[in-house]
Amino acid sequence: MKFNEKLKLVRKVGGYTQAEMADLLKIKMRSVQRFEQGEQEPRYETIKKLCNTHHEYAYWLMTNEIDPPNHINPYIKKRDKNSE
């Protein structure tokens, strides 16, 4: 999965609009749109903010793996949410 797809998934699973995600990351909403569309790559500082605010996804965002156990893939979280 590409980073832009992961970003969109993390945002949606978190229940954020693009505007809310932009506020959280202290960037413009247009930047979030460009990131999600794959038109632009986020800067290191933006990725760092994303990992700090969504630490449970940090490892998955950077590696596409879901270890260690306290870091999860949003698909798992979403599936668990729906099964309750």
N, C-alpha and C. Protein backbone atom coordinates (compact mmCIF):
# COMPACT_ATOMS: atom_id res chain seq x y z
N MET A 1 0.84 -1.16 0.00
CA MET A 1 0.00 0.00 0.00
C MET A 1 0.90 1.24 0.00
N LYS A 2 0.55 2.21 -0.81
CA LYS A 2 1.33 3.44 -0.91
C LYS A 2 1.03 4.36 0.28
N PHE A 3 1.98 5.25 0.55
CA PHE A 3 1.85 6.14 1.70
C PHE A 3 0.58 6.99 1.62
N ASN A 4 0.25 7.49 0.44
CA ASN A 4 -0.94 8.32 0.32
C ASN A 4 -2.21 7.54 0.68
N GLU A 5 -2.26 6.27 0.34
CA GLU A 5 -3.41 5.43 0.69
C GLU A 5 -3.46 5.18 2.20
N LYS A 6 -2.29 5.00 2.79
CA LYS A 6 -2.21 4.79 4.24
C LYS A 6 -2.69 6.03 4.98
N LEU A 7 -2.24 7.19 4.53
CA LEU A 7 -2.63 8.45 5.16
C LEU A 7 -4.15 8.61 5.15
N LYS A 8 -4.74 8.34 4.02
CA LYS A 8 -6.20 8.46 3.89
C LYS A 8 -6.91 7.47 4.81
N LEU A 9 -6.40 6.27 4.88
CA LEU A 9 -6.99 5.25 5.74
C LEU A 9 -6.89 5.64 7.21
N VAL A 10 -5.73 6.12 7.64
CA VAL A 10 -5.55 6.56 9.03
C VAL A 10 -6.53 7.69 9.34
N ARG A 11 -6.66 8.62 8.42
CA ARG A 11 -7.59 9.74 8.63
C ARG A 11 -9.02 9.25 8.78
N LYS A 12 -9.45 8.38 7.87
CA LYS A 12 -10.83 7.91 7.90
C LYS A 12 -11.12 7.04 9.12
N VAL A 13 -10.22 6.16 9.47
CA VAL A 13 -10.41 5.32 10.65
C VAL A 13 -10.47 6.18 11.91
N GLY A 14 -9.69 7.25 11.92
CA GLY A 14 -9.71 8.17 13.05
C GLY A 14 -10.94 9.05 13.09
N GLY A 15 -11.72 9.04 12.02
CA GLY A 15 -12.94 9.83 11.98
C GLY A 15 -12.71 11.30 11.68
N TYR A 16 -11.59 11.63 11.05
CA TYR A 16 -11.25 13.01 10.75
C TYR A 16 -11.66 13.39 9.34
N THR A 17 -12.08 14.63 9.16
CA THR A 17 -12.22 15.19 7.82
C THR A 17 -10.83 15.64 7.39
N GLN A 18 -10.69 15.97 6.12
CA GLN A 18 -9.40 16.48 5.67
C GLN A 18 -9.06 17.79 6.39
N ALA A 19 -10.05 18.62 6.65
CA ALA A 19 -9.82 19.89 7.36
C ALA A 19 -9.35 19.63 8.79
N GLU A 20 -9.96 18.66 9.45
CA GLU A 20 -9.56 18.33 10.83
C GLU A 20 -8.16 17.76 10.87
N MET A 21 -7.82 16.92 9.90
CA MET A 21 -6.48 16.35 9.84
C MET A 21 -5.46 17.46 9.59
N ALA A 22 -5.80 18.41 8.73
CA ALA A 22 -4.91 19.53 8.46
C ALA A 22 -4.68 20.34 9.74
N ASP A 23 -5.74 20.61 10.49
CA ASP A 23 -5.61 21.35 11.75
C ASP A 23 -4.72 20.59 12.73
N LEU A 24 -4.94 19.29 12.82
CA LEU A 24 -4.17 18.46 13.74
C LEU A 24 -2.68 18.50 13.40
N LEU A 25 -2.37 18.46 12.10
CA LEU A 25 -0.98 18.44 11.65
C LEU A 25 -0.40 19.84 11.44
N LYS A 26 -1.26 20.86 11.61
CA LYS A 26 -0.86 22.26 11.43
C LYS A 26 -0.34 22.53 10.02
N ILE A 27 -1.13 22.04 9.05
CA ILE A 27 -0.83 22.27 7.64
C ILE A 27 -2.13 22.70 6.95
N LYS A 28 -2.03 23.07 5.69
CA LYS A 28 -3.21 23.48 4.93
C LYS A 28 -4.00 22.25 4.48
N MET A 29 -5.32 22.42 4.39
CA MET A 29 -6.15 21.32 3.94
C MET A 29 -5.76 20.87 2.52
N ARG A 30 -5.38 21.81 1.69
CA ARG A 30 -4.97 21.47 0.32
C ARG A 30 -3.77 20.53 0.34
N SER A 31 -2.90 20.69 1.32
CA SER A 31 -1.75 19.79 1.44
C SER A 31 -2.21 18.37 1.75
N VAL A 32 -3.17 18.23 2.65
CA VAL A 32 -3.72 16.90 2.96
C VAL A 32 -4.32 16.30 1.70
N GLN A 33 -5.06 17.09 0.94
CA GLN A 33 -5.66 16.60 -0.31
C GLN A 33 -4.58 16.13 -1.27
N ARG A 34 -3.53 16.92 -1.42
CA ARG A 34 -2.44 16.55 -2.33
C ARG A 34 -1.71 15.29 -1.86
N PHE A 35 -1.51 15.18 -0.54
CA PHE A 35 -0.87 13.97 -0.01
C PHE A 35 -1.71 12.75 -0.33
N GLU A 36 -3.01 12.84 -0.06
CA GLU A 36 -3.90 11.69 -0.25
C GLU A 36 -4.06 11.32 -1.73
N GLN A 37 -3.95 12.28 -2.61
CA GLN A 37 -4.06 12.02 -4.04
C GLN A 37 -2.73 11.58 -4.65
N GLY A 38 -1.67 11.61 -3.84
CA GLY A 38 -0.36 11.20 -4.32
C GLY A 38 0.31 12.25 -5.19
N GLU A 39 -0.19 13.48 -5.14
CA GLU A 39 0.38 14.56 -5.94
C GLU A 39 1.61 15.17 -5.28
N GLN A 40 1.73 14.98 -3.97
CA GLN A 40 2.81 15.60 -3.20
C GLN A 40 3.15 14.67 -2.04
N GLU A 41 4.42 14.63 -1.70
CA GLU A 41 4.87 13.85 -0.55
C GLU A 41 4.99 14.78 0.66
N PRO A 42 4.56 14.33 1.83
CA PRO A 42 4.71 15.18 3.01
C PRO A 42 6.18 15.33 3.40
N ARG A 43 6.49 16.46 3.99
CA ARG A 43 7.84 16.69 4.50
C ARG A 43 8.05 15.86 5.76
N TYR A 44 9.31 15.74 6.13
CA TYR A 44 9.67 14.96 7.31
C TYR A 44 8.90 15.45 8.54
N GLU A 45 8.84 16.76 8.74
CA GLU A 45 8.17 17.32 9.92
C GLU A 45 6.69 16.92 9.96
N THR A 46 6.04 16.87 8.81
CA THR A 46 4.63 16.49 8.75
C THR A 46 4.47 15.01 9.08
N ILE A 47 5.35 14.18 8.56
CA ILE A 47 5.31 12.75 8.87
C ILE A 47 5.55 12.54 10.36
N LYS A 48 6.48 13.30 10.92
CA LYS A 48 6.77 13.20 12.35
C LYS A 48 5.54 13.57 13.18
N LYS A 49 4.84 14.64 12.80
CA LYS A 49 3.61 15.04 13.51
C LYS A 49 2.55 13.94 13.39
N LEU A 50 2.43 13.37 12.20
CA LEU A 50 1.45 12.30 11.99
C LEU A 50 1.76 11.11 12.89
N CYS A 51 3.01 10.74 12.96
CA CYS A 51 3.40 9.61 13.81
C CYS A 51 3.23 9.93 15.30
N ASN A 52 3.46 11.18 15.68
CA ASN A 52 3.28 11.57 17.07
C ASN A 52 1.81 11.62 17.47
N THR A 53 0.95 12.03 16.57
CA THR A 53 -0.48 12.12 16.88
C THR A 53 -1.20 10.79 16.69
N HIS A 54 -0.62 9.91 15.89
CA HIS A 54 -1.20 8.58 15.62
C HIS A 54 -0.13 7.52 15.84
N HIS A 55 0.46 7.55 17.03
CA HIS A 55 1.61 6.69 17.32
C HIS A 55 1.32 5.22 17.11
N GLU A 56 0.07 4.80 17.28
CA GLU A 56 -0.23 3.37 17.12
C GLU A 56 -0.07 2.91 15.67
N TYR A 57 -0.01 3.86 14.73
CA TYR A 57 0.17 3.53 13.31
C TYR A 57 1.57 3.83 12.80
N ALA A 58 2.42 4.41 13.61
CA ALA A 58 3.72 4.89 13.15
C ALA A 58 4.54 3.81 12.45
N TYR A 59 4.67 2.67 13.08
CA TYR A 59 5.49 1.60 12.51
C TYR A 59 4.91 1.12 11.18
N TRP A 60 3.60 0.95 11.15
CA TRP A 60 2.93 0.51 9.91
C TRP A 60 3.08 1.55 8.81
N LEU A 61 2.92 2.83 9.16
CA LEU A 61 3.06 3.89 8.15
C LEU A 61 4.43 3.87 7.50
N MET A 62 5.45 3.62 8.30
CA MET A 62 6.80 3.70 7.79
C MET A 62 7.32 2.40 7.17
N THR A 63 6.77 1.25 7.59
CA THR A 63 7.34 -0.02 7.13
C THR A 63 6.36 -0.94 6.42
N ASN A 64 5.06 -0.73 6.60
CA ASN A 64 4.02 -1.61 6.08
C ASN A 64 3.91 -2.91 6.86
N GLU A 65 4.59 -2.98 8.01
CA GLU A 65 4.50 -4.14 8.89
C GLU A 65 3.70 -3.76 10.12
N ILE A 66 3.17 -4.73 10.85
CA ILE A 66 2.34 -4.42 12.01
C ILE A 66 2.94 -4.86 13.34
N ASP A 67 4.25 -5.06 13.38
CA ASP A 67 4.94 -5.31 14.64
C ASP A 67 5.65 -4.04 15.05
N PRO A 68 5.90 -3.78 16.27
CA PRO A 68 5.56 -4.53 17.47
C PRO A 68 4.07 -4.49 17.75
N PRO A 69 3.62 -5.32 18.69
CA PRO A 69 2.18 -5.48 18.93
C PRO A 69 1.42 -4.21 19.30
N ASN A 70 2.07 -3.22 19.90
CA ASN A 70 1.35 -2.01 20.27
C ASN A 70 1.17 -1.05 19.10
N HIS A 71 1.73 -1.38 17.97
CA HIS A 71 1.51 -0.60 16.74
C HIS A 71 0.62 -1.44 15.84
N ILE A 72 -0.42 -0.82 15.30
CA ILE A 72 -1.41 -1.59 14.56
C ILE A 72 -1.65 -1.04 13.16
N ASN A 73 -2.22 -1.87 12.36
CA ASN A 73 -2.65 -1.52 11.02
C ASN A 73 -4.09 -1.04 11.14
N PRO A 74 -4.44 0.10 10.54
CA PRO A 74 -5.82 0.59 10.65
C PRO A 74 -6.88 -0.40 10.18
N TYR A 75 -6.53 -1.30 9.26
CA TYR A 75 -7.49 -2.31 8.83
C TYR A 75 -7.92 -3.16 10.01
N ILE A 76 -6.97 -3.49 10.86
CA ILE A 76 -7.27 -4.31 12.04
C ILE A 76 -8.17 -3.54 12.99
N LYS A 77 -7.83 -2.29 13.24
CA LYS A 77 -8.64 -1.46 14.14
C LYS A 77 -10.05 -1.30 13.58
N LYS A 78 -10.15 -1.04 12.29
CA LYS A 78 -11.45 -0.85 11.65
C LYS A 78 -12.27 -2.13 11.75
N ARG A 79 -11.64 -3.25 11.48
CA ARG A 79 -12.35 -4.53 11.55
C ARG A 79 -12.81 -4.79 12.96
N ASP A 80 -11.96 -4.52 13.96
CA ASP A 80 -12.33 -4.73 15.35
C ASP A 80 -13.49 -3.82 15.75
N LYS A 81 -13.48 -2.57 15.28
CA LYS A 81 -14.56 -1.65 15.56
C LYS A 81 -15.89 -2.16 15.03
N ASN A 82 -15.85 -2.70 13.81
CA ASN A 82 -17.08 -3.18 13.17
C ASN A 82 -17.59 -4.47 13.77
N SER A 83 -16.73 -5.22 14.43
CA SER A 83 -17.16 -6.50 14.97
C SER A 83 -17.80 -6.35 16.35
N GLU A 84 -17.72 -5.14 16.94
CA GLU A 84 -18.30 -4.93 18.26
C GLU A 84 -19.79 -4.69 18.18
